[in-house]
Amino acid sequence: MGAEQEKLPAILVPYCGPESDPEIEDIFVYMRPETNGVLGESTILKVIERCPEYRVDIQLVYLANIPGEFILSRHIIERHYAAKLHFAVLGKSACTPGMRREFETQFGEPFDDASIVGSFEALRLLQMGPEELFNTWVDIGDMLFTSGQTIKKIRGYYVINYDLPALLHKNNRSTDIAVMIFRTRTGYGRFADLVERMRQGLIAEGLIRPHYHSGRAFHYSKSPFEQILDGMGYLYARGAAQVPLEQVSFCSYLLARGIAMQTVRAAVRNPVALFGLEDGSVIEQNLMNYTFHDSYAVACDKFLSMVSQYLTDR
C-alpha cells in the first residue's frame, strides 16, 4: 500500500479578499490545541452570533480547519514564532541593548552577571518538561516583558520565552486548528470585550479553567501587523493554496501607500526595532506590541518611524 495522502485544510468559509475601507479591520482568531474541536469552535461562533453587531459591524469572512499534519509538515508554528524562537534558542546572547537595560531596571541585578538562559536550555538546567516549565507560576516581580519577549525568574535562572517549548510540544499530527477571520468596524477595544466573553463561554463549557487567560485558549490578532503574521501561516484557499500576502487587508493597505512587499515581510519577520519619536529620541520596541490595538493609519505611521531593526529571522 502507498503512503496515505496528506490531509489538506478544509475551507468552510472561503476568504473573500481584502477590505478597502481602512476603518474596517480584519482580526484572526484561532484555537489553541487544548481547546480546539467542534465544541470550542462553536462556542466562539455563538458568542459572535449573539453580539448585537453581528452581520452589521462584525462578519465572519474566513473559516478553515487546518490539520495538524499539515501544520507540522510546513513548520507553520516554528515560522509563526520565529522571532520568539530566536531568543528562546540563543538565550542571553540574543538580548538587545534595550532588553539589557530593562532587565537591570526590573530585577536590580547586573545583566552580565545574571544566569539568563533560553527556554530550551532551561528544560535541561531545571530538569523540567515543557508543560511544567509553562505552568510554573511566579510573582509578578519575577516577570519581565521586554521587546516582545518574556523573561521569568525560576529557581535562580532568568528564562527567556518559557512558553515556547510547550507551544511547540502541544501541536502534533492529531491536533487540528480552527481558524477564523472576523471583519469588524467596532475596533480592537470592542473586540477585546468579545474576547473576554469567548473566554467565559469556554469556561462555562469546561474547556478551560476559570483563572486561565484567554491566550491559553485561543489567539487573536492584536495589531494590524499581527494580522499580516497570522495571514502568513493560516490563510488558505481550497486545495491548500496559500492566499497571497498581498490579499491580507492591512498588507494591501500598506502596498497602496507605496511600501514594498519585501519591506513589509522584513518588518514582520524582524519585529524588534528602533523607532524614532517626535522629540528626536529613539525607543526600542517590538512592532507587534508597539502597534497594539492601533488603527491601520496609526500602525502605518509608527512603522514609517522605524530607523533600524534587529535581525531575528535570517
C-alpha atoms as a PDB file:
ATOM      1  CA  MET A   1       0.000   0.000   0.000  1.00  0.00           C
ATOM      2  CA  GLY A   2       1.190   3.508  -0.813  1.00  0.00           C
ATOM      3  CA  ALA A   3       1.619   6.317   1.639  1.00  0.00           C
ATOM      4  CA  GLU A   4      -1.556   7.944   2.822  1.00  0.00           C
ATOM      5  CA  GLN A   5      -2.411  11.199   1.114  1.00  0.00           C
ATOM      6  CA  GLU A   6      -1.785  14.238   3.289  1.00  0.00           C
ATOM      7  CA  LYS A   7      -4.878  15.853   4.762  1.00  0.00           C
ATOM      8  CA  LEU A   8      -5.357  19.387   3.454  1.00  0.00           C
ATOM      9  CA  PRO A   9      -7.044  22.398   5.064  1.00  0.00           C
ATOM     10  CA  ALA A  10     -10.846  22.275   4.930  1.00  0.00           C
ATOM     11  CA  ILE A  11     -12.045  25.711   3.834  1.00  0.00           C
ATOM     12  CA  LEU A  12     -15.565  26.098   5.231  1.00  0.00           C
ATOM     13  CA  VAL A  13     -15.931  29.828   4.537  1.00  0.00           C
ATOM     14  CA  PRO A  14     -13.572  30.943   1.733  1.00  0.00           C
ATOM     15  CA  TYR A  15     -11.705  34.206   2.255  1.00  0.00           C
ATOM     16  CA  CYS A  16     -13.412  36.976   0.300  1.00  0.00           C
ATOM     17  CA  GLY A  17     -10.350  39.164  -0.345  1.00  0.00           C
ATOM     18  CA  PRO A  18      -9.025  42.378   1.232  1.00  0.00           C
ATOM     19  CA  GLU A  19     -11.244  45.099   2.665  1.00  0.00           C
ATOM     20  CA  SER A  20     -10.625  48.501   1.064  1.00  0.00           C
ATOM     21  CA  ASP A  21     -12.159  50.580   3.867  1.00  0.00           C
ATOM     22  CA  PRO A  22      -9.330  51.273   6.378  1.00  0.00           C
ATOM     23  CA  GLU A  23     -11.903  51.813   9.151  1.00  0.00           C
ATOM     24  CA  ILE A  24     -12.842  48.133   8.917  1.00  0.00           C
ATOM     25  CA  GLU A  25     -10.282  45.741  10.396  1.00  0.00           C
ATOM     26  CA  ASP A  26      -9.675  42.019   9.990  1.00  0.00           C
ATOM     27  CA  ILE A  27      -8.959  40.007  13.129  1.00  0.00           C
ATOM     28  CA  PHE A  28      -7.778  36.403  13.005  1.00  0.00           C
ATOM     29  CA  VAL A  29      -8.947  34.056  15.761  1.00  0.00           C
ATOM     30  CA  TYR A  30      -7.634  30.516  16.063  1.00  0.00           C
ATOM     31  CA  MET A  31      -7.979  27.919  18.759  1.00  0.00           C
ATOM     32  CA  ARG A  32      -5.154  26.564  20.875  1.00  0.00           C
ATOM     33  CA  PRO A  33      -4.776  22.762  20.649  1.00  0.00           C
ATOM     34  CA  GLU A  34      -6.207  22.100  24.123  1.00  0.00           C
ATOM     35  CA  THR A  35      -9.493  23.896  23.354  1.00  0.00           C
ATOM     36  CA  ASN A  36      -9.822  23.063  19.695  1.00  0.00           C
ATOM     37  CA  GLY A  37     -12.619  20.919  18.383  1.00  0.00           C
ATOM     38  CA  VAL A  38     -16.257  21.286  17.452  1.00  0.00           C
ATOM     39  CA  LEU A  39     -17.309  22.426  20.924  1.00  0.00           C
ATOM     40  CA  GLY A  40     -14.604  25.086  21.225  1.00  0.00           C
ATOM     41  CA  GLU A  41     -15.208  26.394  17.725  1.00  0.00           C
ATOM     42  CA  SER A  42     -18.985  26.502  18.139  1.00  0.00           C
ATOM     43  CA  THR A  43     -18.639  28.294  21.498  1.00  0.00           C
ATOM     44  CA  ILE A  44     -16.593  31.067  19.878  1.00  0.00           C
ATOM     45  CA  LEU A  45     -19.046  31.424  16.994  1.00  0.00           C
ATOM     46  CA  LYS A  46     -22.063  31.524  19.334  1.00  0.00           C
ATOM     47  CA  VAL A  47     -20.538  34.438  21.253  1.00  0.00           C
ATOM     48  CA  ILE A  48     -20.120  36.370  17.997  1.00  0.00           C
ATOM     49  CA  GLU A  49     -23.565  35.460  16.677  1.00  0.00           C
ATOM     50  CA  ARG A  50     -25.215  36.687  19.883  1.00  0.00           C
ATOM     51  CA  CYS A  51     -23.414  40.015  19.634  1.00  0.00           C
ATOM     52  CA  PRO A  52     -25.822  42.811  18.530  1.00  0.00           C
ATOM     53  CA  GLU A  53     -23.291  43.992  15.935  1.00  0.00           C
ATOM     54  CA  TYR A  54     -23.072  40.601  14.242  1.00  0.00           C
ATOM     55  CA  ARG A  55     -23.684  40.735  10.482  1.00  0.00           C
ATOM     56  CA  VAL A  56     -23.774  44.549  10.675  1.00  0.00           C
ATOM     57  CA  ASP A  57     -20.427  45.578  12.179  1.00  0.00           C
ATOM     58  CA  ILE A  58     -18.871  42.107  12.584  1.00  0.00           C
ATOM     59  CA  GLN A  59     -18.777  39.497   9.833  1.00  0.00           C
ATOM     60  CA  LEU A  60     -17.159  36.091   9.521  1.00  0.00           C
ATOM     61  CA  VAL A  61     -15.138  36.254   6.287  1.00  0.00           C
ATOM     62  CA  TYR A  62     -12.998  33.110   6.658  1.00  0.00           C
ATOM     63  CA  LEU A  63     -13.325  29.773   8.430  1.00  0.00           C
ATOM     64  CA  ALA A  64     -10.945  26.858   7.962  1.00  0.00           C
ATOM     65  CA  ASN A  65      -9.869  23.700   9.721  1.00  0.00           C
ATOM     66  CA  ILE A  66      -6.129  23.128   9.296  1.00  0.00           C
ATOM     67  CA  PRO A  67      -4.915  19.567  10.017  1.00  0.00           C
ATOM     68  CA  GLY A  68      -2.104  19.006  12.475  1.00  0.00           C
ATOM     69  CA  GLU A  69      -0.022  17.015   9.999  1.00  0.00           C
ATOM     70  CA  PHE A  70      -0.291  19.894   7.509  1.00  0.00           C
ATOM     71  CA  ILE A  71       0.871  22.352  10.196  1.00  0.00           C
ATOM     72  CA  LEU A  72       3.820  20.124  11.114  1.00  0.00           C
ATOM     73  CA  SER A  73       4.953  19.366   7.567  1.00  0.00           C
ATOM     74  CA  ARG A  74       5.059  23.054   6.681  1.00  0.00           C
ATOM     75  CA  HIS A  75       6.594  24.161  10.006  1.00  0.00           C
ATOM     76  CA  ILE A  76       3.823  26.719  10.456  1.00  0.00           C
ATOM     77  CA  ILE A  77       4.226  27.047  14.229  1.00  0.00           C
ATOM     78  CA  GLU A  78       8.011  27.456  14.050  1.00  0.00           C
ATOM     79  CA  ARG A  79       7.701  30.112  11.352  1.00  0.00           C
ATOM     80  CA  HIS A  80       4.970  31.942  13.205  1.00  0.00           C
ATOM     81  CA  TYR A  81       7.088  32.150  16.356  1.00  0.00           C
ATOM     82  CA  ALA A  82      10.420  32.579  14.549  1.00  0.00           C
ATOM     83  CA  ALA A  83      11.263  35.884  16.265  1.00  0.00           C
ATOM     84  CA  LYS A  84      10.487  34.494  19.736  1.00  0.00           C
ATOM     85  CA  LEU A  85      12.344  31.256  18.951  1.00  0.00           C
ATOM     86  CA  HIS A  86      15.428  33.324  18.144  1.00  0.00           C
ATOM     87  CA  PHE A  87      15.546  34.458  21.781  1.00  0.00           C
ATOM     88  CA  ALA A  88      14.359  31.137  23.226  1.00  0.00           C
ATOM     89  CA  VAL A  89      17.174  29.261  21.478  1.00  0.00           C
ATOM     90  CA  LEU A  90      20.049  31.747  21.752  1.00  0.00           C
ATOM     91  CA  GLY A  91      19.196  32.980  25.237  1.00  0.00           C
ATOM     92  CA  LYS A  92      21.388  35.641  26.785  1.00  0.00           C
ATOM     93  CA  SER A  93      23.497  36.260  23.677  1.00  0.00           C
ATOM     94  CA  ALA A  94      20.404  37.343  21.713  1.00  0.00           C
ATOM     95  CA  CYS A  95      19.369  40.101  24.129  1.00  0.00           C
ATOM     96  CA  THR A  96      19.329  43.614  22.701  1.00  0.00           C
ATOM     97  CA  PRO A  97      20.588  46.782  24.436  1.00  0.00           C
ATOM     98  CA  GLY A  98      17.011  47.708  25.316  1.00  0.00           C
ATOM     99  CA  MET A  99      16.385  44.297  26.863  1.00  0.00           C
ATOM    100  CA  ARG A 100      19.595  44.570  28.894  1.00  0.00           C
ATOM    101  CA  ARG A 101      18.555  47.965  30.305  1.00  0.00           C
ATOM    102  CA  GLU A 102      15.029  46.826  31.172  1.00  0.00           C
ATOM    103  CA  PHE A 103      16.360  43.651  32.785  1.00  0.00           C
ATOM    104  CA  GLU A 104      18.576  45.618  35.156  1.00  0.00           C
ATOM    105  CA  THR A 105      15.761  48.046  35.974  1.00  0.00           C
ATOM    106  CA  GLN A 106      13.278  45.255  36.722  1.00  0.00           C
ATOM    107  CA  PHE A 107      15.463  42.809  38.593  1.00  0.00           C
ATOM    108  CA  GLY A 108      18.132  45.103  40.070  1.00  0.00           C
ATOM    109  CA  GLU A 109      20.896  42.727  39.002  1.00  0.00           C
ATOM    110  CA  PRO A 110      23.765  43.399  36.553  1.00  0.00           C
ATOM    111  CA  PHE A 111      22.852  41.820  33.236  1.00  0.00           C
ATOM    112  CA  ASP A 112      26.344  40.417  32.638  1.00  0.00           C
ATOM    113  CA  ASP A 113      26.347  38.590  36.000  1.00  0.00           C
ATOM    114  CA  ALA A 114      22.846  37.108  35.748  1.00  0.00           C
ATOM    115  CA  SER A 115      22.054  33.498  34.813  1.00  0.00           C
ATOM    116  CA  ILE A 116      19.920  34.263  31.733  1.00  0.00           C
ATOM    117  CA  VAL A 117      19.031  31.270  29.565  1.00  0.00           C
ATOM    118  CA  GLY A 118      16.777  30.383  26.696  1.00  0.00           C
ATOM    119  CA  SER A 119      13.788  28.191  27.498  1.00  0.00           C
ATOM    120  CA  PHE A 120      15.169  25.092  25.763  1.00  0.00           C
ATOM    121  CA  GLU A 121      18.369  25.235  27.820  1.00  0.00           C
ATOM    122  CA  ALA A 122      16.187  25.849  30.894  1.00  0.00           C
ATOM    123  CA  LEU A 123      14.476  22.480  30.386  1.00  0.00           C
ATOM    124  CA  ARG A 124      17.841  20.799  30.949  1.00  0.00           C
ATOM    125  CA  LEU A 125      19.080  23.060  33.735  1.00  0.00           C
ATOM    126  CA  LEU A 126      15.830  22.939  35.720  1.00  0.00           C
ATOM    127  CA  GLN A 127      15.081  19.280  34.902  1.00  0.00           C
ATOM    128  CA  MET A 128      11.575  20.193  33.772  1.00  0.00           C
ATOM    129  CA  GLY A 129       9.341  19.130  30.924  1.00  0.00           C
ATOM    130  CA  PRO A 130       7.760  21.724  28.562  1.00  0.00           C
ATOM    131  CA  GLU A 131       4.403  21.672  30.387  1.00  0.00           C
ATOM    132  CA  GLU A 132       5.971  22.013  33.835  1.00  0.00           C
ATOM    133  CA  LEU A 133       8.024  24.980  32.676  1.00  0.00           C
ATOM    134  CA  PHE A 134       4.949  26.540  31.058  1.00  0.00           C
ATOM    135  CA  ASN A 135       2.834  26.109  34.186  1.00  0.00           C
ATOM    136  CA  THR A 136       5.407  27.392  36.695  1.00  0.00           C
ATOM    137  CA  TRP A 137       3.811  30.374  38.438  1.00  0.00           C
ATOM    138  CA  VAL A 138       5.939  33.196  39.847  1.00  0.00           C
ATOM    139  CA  ASP A 139       5.276  36.548  41.495  1.00  0.00           C
ATOM    140  CA  ILE A 140       4.701  39.473  39.152  1.00  0.00           C
ATOM    141  CA  GLY A 141       8.022  40.946  40.310  1.00  0.00           C
ATOM    142  CA  ASP A 142       9.797  37.909  38.853  1.00  0.00           C
ATOM    143  CA  MET A 143       8.449  38.589  35.337  1.00  0.00           C
ATOM    144  CA  LEU A 144       9.596  40.992  32.654  1.00  0.00           C
ATOM    145  CA  PHE A 145       8.000  41.630  29.271  1.00  0.00           C
ATOM    146  CA  THR A 146      10.501  43.405  27.032  1.00  0.00           C
ATOM    147  CA  SER A 147      10.722  43.909  23.257  1.00  0.00           C
ATOM    148  CA  GLY A 148       8.058  41.255  22.777  1.00  0.00           C
ATOM    149  CA  GLN A 149       9.882  38.648  24.872  1.00  0.00           C
ATOM    150  CA  THR A 150       9.037  37.294  28.309  1.00  0.00           C
ATOM    151  CA  ILE A 151      11.702  36.732  30.967  1.00  0.00           C
ATOM    152  CA  LYS A 152      10.645  34.722  34.007  1.00  0.00           C
ATOM    153  CA  LYS A 153      12.823  34.096  37.070  1.00  0.00           C
ATOM    154  CA  ILE A 154      12.645  30.448  38.082  1.00  0.00           C
ATOM    155  CA  ARG A 155      14.916  28.995  40.794  1.00  0.00           C
ATOM    156  CA  GLY A 156      17.694  31.472  40.179  1.00  0.00           C
ATOM    157  CA  TYR A 157      17.553  31.305  36.374  1.00  0.00           C
ATOM    158  CA  TYR A 158      16.067  34.010  34.163  1.00  0.00           C
ATOM    159  CA  VAL A 159      14.248  32.060  31.441  1.00  0.00           C
ATOM    160  CA  ILE A 160      13.533  33.737  28.101  1.00  0.00           C
ATOM    161  CA  ASN A 161      10.207  32.818  26.463  1.00  0.00           C
ATOM    162  CA  TYR A 162       9.367  29.992  28.864  1.00  0.00           C
ATOM    163  CA  ASP A 163       6.206  29.164  26.891  1.00  0.00           C
ATOM    164  CA  LEU A 164       7.832  28.227  23.559  1.00  0.00           C
ATOM    165  CA  PRO A 165       8.719  24.564  24.294  1.00  0.00           C
ATOM    166  CA  ALA A 166       5.128  23.841  25.360  1.00  0.00           C
ATOM    167  CA  LEU A 167       3.646  25.678  22.379  1.00  0.00           C
ATOM    168  CA  LEU A 168       5.694  23.517  20.028  1.00  0.00           C
ATOM    169  CA  HIS A 169       5.063  20.348  22.053  1.00  0.00           C
ATOM    170  CA  LYS A 170       1.271  20.735  22.078  1.00  0.00           C
ATOM    171  CA  ASN A 171       0.974  20.762  18.294  1.00  0.00           C
ATOM    172  CA  ASN A 172       1.067  17.299  16.779  1.00  0.00           C
ATOM    173  CA  ARG A 173      -0.355  15.347  13.873  1.00  0.00           C
ATOM    174  CA  SER A 174      -3.638  14.699  15.668  1.00  0.00           C
ATOM    175  CA  THR A 175      -4.158  18.373  16.555  1.00  0.00           C
ATOM    176  CA  ASP A 176      -6.222  20.317  14.025  1.00  0.00           C
ATOM    177  CA  ILE A 177      -6.600  24.087  14.288  1.00  0.00           C
ATOM    178  CA  ALA A 178      -9.812  26.025  13.605  1.00  0.00           C
ATOM    179  CA  VAL A 179      -9.012  29.439  12.091  1.00  0.00           C
ATOM    180  CA  MET A 180     -11.460  32.327  11.654  1.00  0.00           C
ATOM    181  CA  ILE A 181     -11.261  35.909  10.380  1.00  0.00           C
ATOM    182  CA  PHE A 182     -13.758  38.439  11.675  1.00  0.00           C
ATOM    183  CA  ARG A 183     -14.120  41.674   9.720  1.00  0.00           C
ATOM    184  CA  THR A 184     -15.171  44.446  12.075  1.00  0.00           C
ATOM    185  CA  ARG A 185     -15.632  48.183  12.294  1.00  0.00           C
ATOM    186  CA  THR A 186     -16.028  48.055  16.087  1.00  0.00           C
ATOM    187  CA  GLY A 187     -12.267  48.390  16.698  1.00  0.00           C
ATOM    188  CA  TYR A 188      -9.922  46.353  18.823  1.00  0.00           C
ATOM    189  CA  GLY A 189     -11.257  47.722  22.101  1.00  0.00           C
ATOM    190  CA  ARG A 190     -14.753  46.423  21.413  1.00  0.00           C
ATOM    191  CA  PHE A 191     -13.399  43.153  20.076  1.00  0.00           C
ATOM    192  CA  ALA A 192     -11.393  42.703  23.280  1.00  0.00           C
ATOM    193  CA  ASP A 193     -14.715  42.721  25.143  1.00  0.00           C
ATOM    194  CA  LEU A 194     -15.895  39.899  22.883  1.00  0.00           C
ATOM    195  CA  VAL A 195     -12.668  38.013  23.575  1.00  0.00           C
ATOM    196  CA  GLU A 196     -13.492  38.064  27.293  1.00  0.00           C
ATOM    197  CA  ARG A 197     -16.977  36.725  26.500  1.00  0.00           C
ATOM    198  CA  MET A 198     -15.371  33.971  24.421  1.00  0.00           C
ATOM    199  CA  ARG A 199     -13.197  33.067  27.399  1.00  0.00           C
ATOM    200  CA  GLN A 200     -16.232  32.960  29.709  1.00  0.00           C
ATOM    201  CA  GLY A 201     -18.035  30.739  27.206  1.00  0.00           C
ATOM    202  CA  LEU A 202     -15.150  28.281  27.128  1.00  0.00           C
ATOM    203  CA  ILE A 203     -15.090  28.247  30.945  1.00  0.00           C
ATOM    204  CA  ALA A 204     -18.832  27.515  31.031  1.00  0.00           C
ATOM    205  CA  GLU A 205     -18.267  24.548  28.701  1.00  0.00           C
ATOM    206  CA  GLY A 206     -15.483  23.241  30.926  1.00  0.00           C
ATOM    207  CA  LEU A 207     -12.837  23.666  28.224  1.00  0.00           C
ATOM    208  CA  ILE A 208     -10.541  25.932  30.272  1.00  0.00           C
ATOM    209  CA  ARG A 209     -10.087  26.696  33.956  1.00  0.00           C
ATOM    210  CA  PRO A 210     -11.613  29.903  35.358  1.00  0.00           C
ATOM    211  CA  HIS A 211      -8.256  31.536  36.106  1.00  0.00           C
ATOM    212  CA  TYR A 212      -6.859  30.950  32.603  1.00  0.00           C
ATOM    213  CA  HIS A 213      -6.099  33.990  30.461  1.00  0.00           C
ATOM    214  CA  SER A 214      -7.791  33.972  27.031  1.00  0.00           C
ATOM    215  CA  GLY A 215      -4.373  33.448  25.431  1.00  0.00           C
ATOM    216  CA  ARG A 216      -4.264  29.967  26.937  1.00  0.00           C
ATOM    217  CA  ALA A 217      -7.394  29.070  24.960  1.00  0.00           C
ATOM    218  CA  PHE A 218      -7.110  30.898  21.648  1.00  0.00           C
ATOM    219  CA  HIS A 219      -5.144  33.515  19.774  1.00  0.00           C
ATOM    220  CA  TYR A 220      -6.452  36.684  18.153  1.00  0.00           C
ATOM    221  CA  SER A 221      -4.671  39.340  16.099  1.00  0.00           C
ATOM    222  CA  LYS A 222      -3.970  42.208  18.493  1.00  0.00           C
ATOM    223  CA  SER A 223      -2.451  44.576  15.973  1.00  0.00           C
ATOM    224  CA  PRO A 224      -2.538  45.209  12.215  1.00  0.00           C
ATOM    225  CA  PHE A 225       0.966  43.775  11.809  1.00  0.00           C
ATOM    226  CA  GLU A 226      -0.026  40.655  13.720  1.00  0.00           C
ATOM    227  CA  GLN A 227      -2.846  40.312  11.194  1.00  0.00           C
ATOM    228  CA  ILE A 228      -0.178  40.030   8.484  1.00  0.00           C
ATOM    229  CA  LEU A 229       1.827  37.497  10.504  1.00  0.00           C
ATOM    230  CA  ASP A 230      -1.306  35.396  11.021  1.00  0.00           C
ATOM    231  CA  GLY A 231      -2.037  35.607   7.312  1.00  0.00           C
ATOM    232  CA  MET A 232       1.413  34.218   6.508  1.00  0.00           C
ATOM    233  CA  GLY A 233       0.631  30.932   8.198  1.00  0.00           C
ATOM    234  CA  TYR A 234      -3.099  30.400   8.394  1.00  0.00           C
ATOM    235  CA  LEU A 235      -4.826  31.848   5.324  1.00  0.00           C
ATOM    236  CA  TYR A 236      -5.564  29.306   2.592  1.00  0.00           C
ATOM    237  CA  ALA A 237      -7.777  28.821  -0.420  1.00  0.00           C
ATOM    238  CA  ARG A 238      -9.233  25.479  -1.429  1.00  0.00           C
ATOM    239  CA  GLY A 239      -6.621  22.953  -2.487  1.00  0.00           C
ATOM    240  CA  ALA A 240      -4.155  24.181   0.168  1.00  0.00           C
ATOM    241  CA  ALA A 241      -3.045  27.117  -1.956  1.00  0.00           C
ATOM    242  CA  GLN A 242      -1.835  29.893   0.334  1.00  0.00           C
ATOM    243  CA  VAL A 243      -3.693  33.151  -0.204  1.00  0.00           C
ATOM    244  CA  PRO A 244      -1.124  35.714  -1.457  1.00  0.00           C
ATOM    245  CA  LEU A 245       0.014  38.021   1.307  1.00  0.00           C
ATOM    246  CA  GLU A 246      -0.967  40.980  -0.861  1.00  0.00           C
ATOM    247  CA  GLN A 247      -4.583  39.921  -0.268  1.00  0.00           C
ATOM    248  CA  VAL A 248      -4.356  40.374   3.512  1.00  0.00           C
ATOM    249  CA  SER A 249      -6.225  43.597   4.248  1.00  0.00           C
ATOM    250  CA  PHE A 250      -3.560  45.530   6.157  1.00  0.00           C
ATOM    251  CA  CYS A 251      -0.838  44.362   3.773  1.00  0.00           C
ATOM    252  CA  SER A 252      -2.989  45.635   0.896  1.00  0.00           C
ATOM    253  CA  TYR A 253      -3.317  48.952   2.776  1.00  0.00           C
ATOM    254  CA  LEU A 254       0.476  49.279   3.102  1.00  0.00           C
ATOM    255  CA  LEU A 255       1.115  48.367  -0.542  1.00  0.00           C
ATOM    256  CA  ALA A 256      -1.375  51.015  -1.663  1.00  0.00           C
ATOM    257  CA  ARG A 257       0.772  53.573   0.182  1.00  0.00           C
ATOM    258  CA  GLY A 258       3.878  52.671  -1.752  1.00  0.00           C
ATOM    259  CA  ILE A 259       5.511  50.347   0.774  1.00  0.00           C
ATOM    260  CA  ALA A 260       7.248  47.429  -0.946  1.00  0.00           C
ATOM    261  CA  MET A 261       6.224  43.861  -0.168  1.00  0.00           C
ATOM    262  CA  GLN A 262       9.835  42.961   0.667  1.00  0.00           C
ATOM    263  CA  THR A 263       9.864  45.745   3.279  1.00  0.00           C
ATOM    264  CA  VAL A 264       6.607  44.526   4.817  1.00  0.00           C
ATOM    265  CA  ARG A 265       7.850  40.923   5.049  1.00  0.00           C
ATOM    266  CA  ALA A 266      11.141  42.017   6.612  1.00  0.00           C
ATOM    267  CA  ALA A 267       9.321  44.090   9.236  1.00  0.00           C
ATOM    268  CA  VAL A 268       7.005  41.244  10.234  1.00  0.00           C
ATOM    269  CA  ARG A 269       9.819  38.697  10.345  1.00  0.00           C
ATOM    270  CA  ASN A 270      12.158  41.000  12.292  1.00  0.00           C
ATOM    271  CA  PRO A 271       9.801  42.957  14.555  1.00  0.00           C
ATOM    272  CA  VAL A 272      12.312  44.095  17.212  1.00  0.00           C
ATOM    273  CA  ALA A 273      13.412  47.548  16.089  1.00  0.00           C
ATOM    274  CA  LEU A 274      14.254  51.125  16.983  1.00  0.00           C
ATOM    275  CA  PHE A 275      11.576  53.729  16.307  1.00  0.00           C
ATOM    276  CA  GLY A 276      12.034  57.471  16.143  1.00  0.00           C
ATOM    277  CA  LEU A 277       9.972  59.760  18.386  1.00  0.00           C
ATOM    278  CA  GLU A 278       8.871  63.335  17.772  1.00  0.00           C
ATOM    279  CA  ASP A 279      11.491  64.734  20.152  1.00  0.00           C
ATOM    280  CA  GLY A 280      14.293  63.162  18.112  1.00  0.00           C
ATOM    281  CA  SER A 281      14.966  60.277  20.507  1.00  0.00           C
ATOM    282  CA  VAL A 282      14.520  56.587  19.677  1.00  0.00           C
ATOM    283  CA  ILE A 283      12.757  53.775  21.502  1.00  0.00           C
ATOM    284  CA  GLU A 284      13.275  50.019  21.235  1.00  0.00           C
ATOM    285  CA  GLN A 285      10.029  48.137  20.711  1.00  0.00           C
ATOM    286  CA  ASN A 286       8.564  45.043  19.126  1.00  0.00           C
ATOM    287  CA  LEU A 287       6.489  46.157  16.123  1.00  0.00           C
ATOM    288  CA  MET A 288       3.635  43.825  17.061  1.00  0.00           C
ATOM    289  CA  ASN A 289       3.357  45.267  20.573  1.00  0.00           C
ATOM    290  CA  TYR A 290       4.169  48.847  19.546  1.00  0.00           C
ATOM    291  CA  THR A 291       1.086  48.836  17.290  1.00  0.00           C
ATOM    292  CA  PHE A 292      -1.152  47.015  19.816  1.00  0.00           C
ATOM    293  CA  HIS A 293      -4.839  47.747  19.061  1.00  0.00           C
ATOM    294  CA  ASP A 294      -3.850  50.564  16.650  1.00  0.00           C
ATOM    295  CA  SER A 295      -5.850  51.618  13.631  1.00  0.00           C
ATOM    296  CA  TYR A 296      -4.305  50.989  10.209  1.00  0.00           C
ATOM    297  CA  ALA A 297      -3.303  54.641   9.878  1.00  0.00           C
ATOM    298  CA  VAL A 298      -1.608  54.849  13.294  1.00  0.00           C
ATOM    299  CA  ALA A 299       0.155  51.499  12.797  1.00  0.00           C
ATOM    300  CA  CYS A 300       1.439  52.639   9.397  1.00  0.00           C
ATOM    301  CA  ASP A 301       2.777  55.913  10.854  1.00  0.00           C
ATOM    302  CA  LYS A 302       4.622  54.033  13.611  1.00  0.00           C
ATOM    303  CA  PHE A 303       6.044  51.618  11.058  1.00  0.00           C
ATOM    304  CA  LEU A 304       7.357  54.504   8.952  1.00  0.00           C
ATOM    305  CA  SER A 305       9.149  55.865  12.033  1.00  0.00           C
ATOM    306  CA  MET A 306      11.340  52.729  12.182  1.00  0.00           C
ATOM    307  CA  VAL A 307      15.031  53.629  11.937  1.00  0.00           C
ATOM    308  CA  SER A 308      16.682  50.205  12.324  1.00  0.00           C
ATOM    309  CA  GLN A 309      15.889  46.538  13.022  1.00  0.00           C
ATOM    310  CA  TYR A 310      17.487  43.652  14.876  1.00  0.00           C
ATOM    311  CA  LEU A 311      17.777  40.530  12.745  1.00  0.00           C
ATOM    312  CA  THR A 312      15.830  37.760  14.466  1.00  0.00           C
ATOM    313  CA  ASP A 313      14.854  35.771  11.369  1.00  0.00           C
ATOM    314  CA  ARG A 314      17.504  35.205   8.744  1.00  0.00           C
END
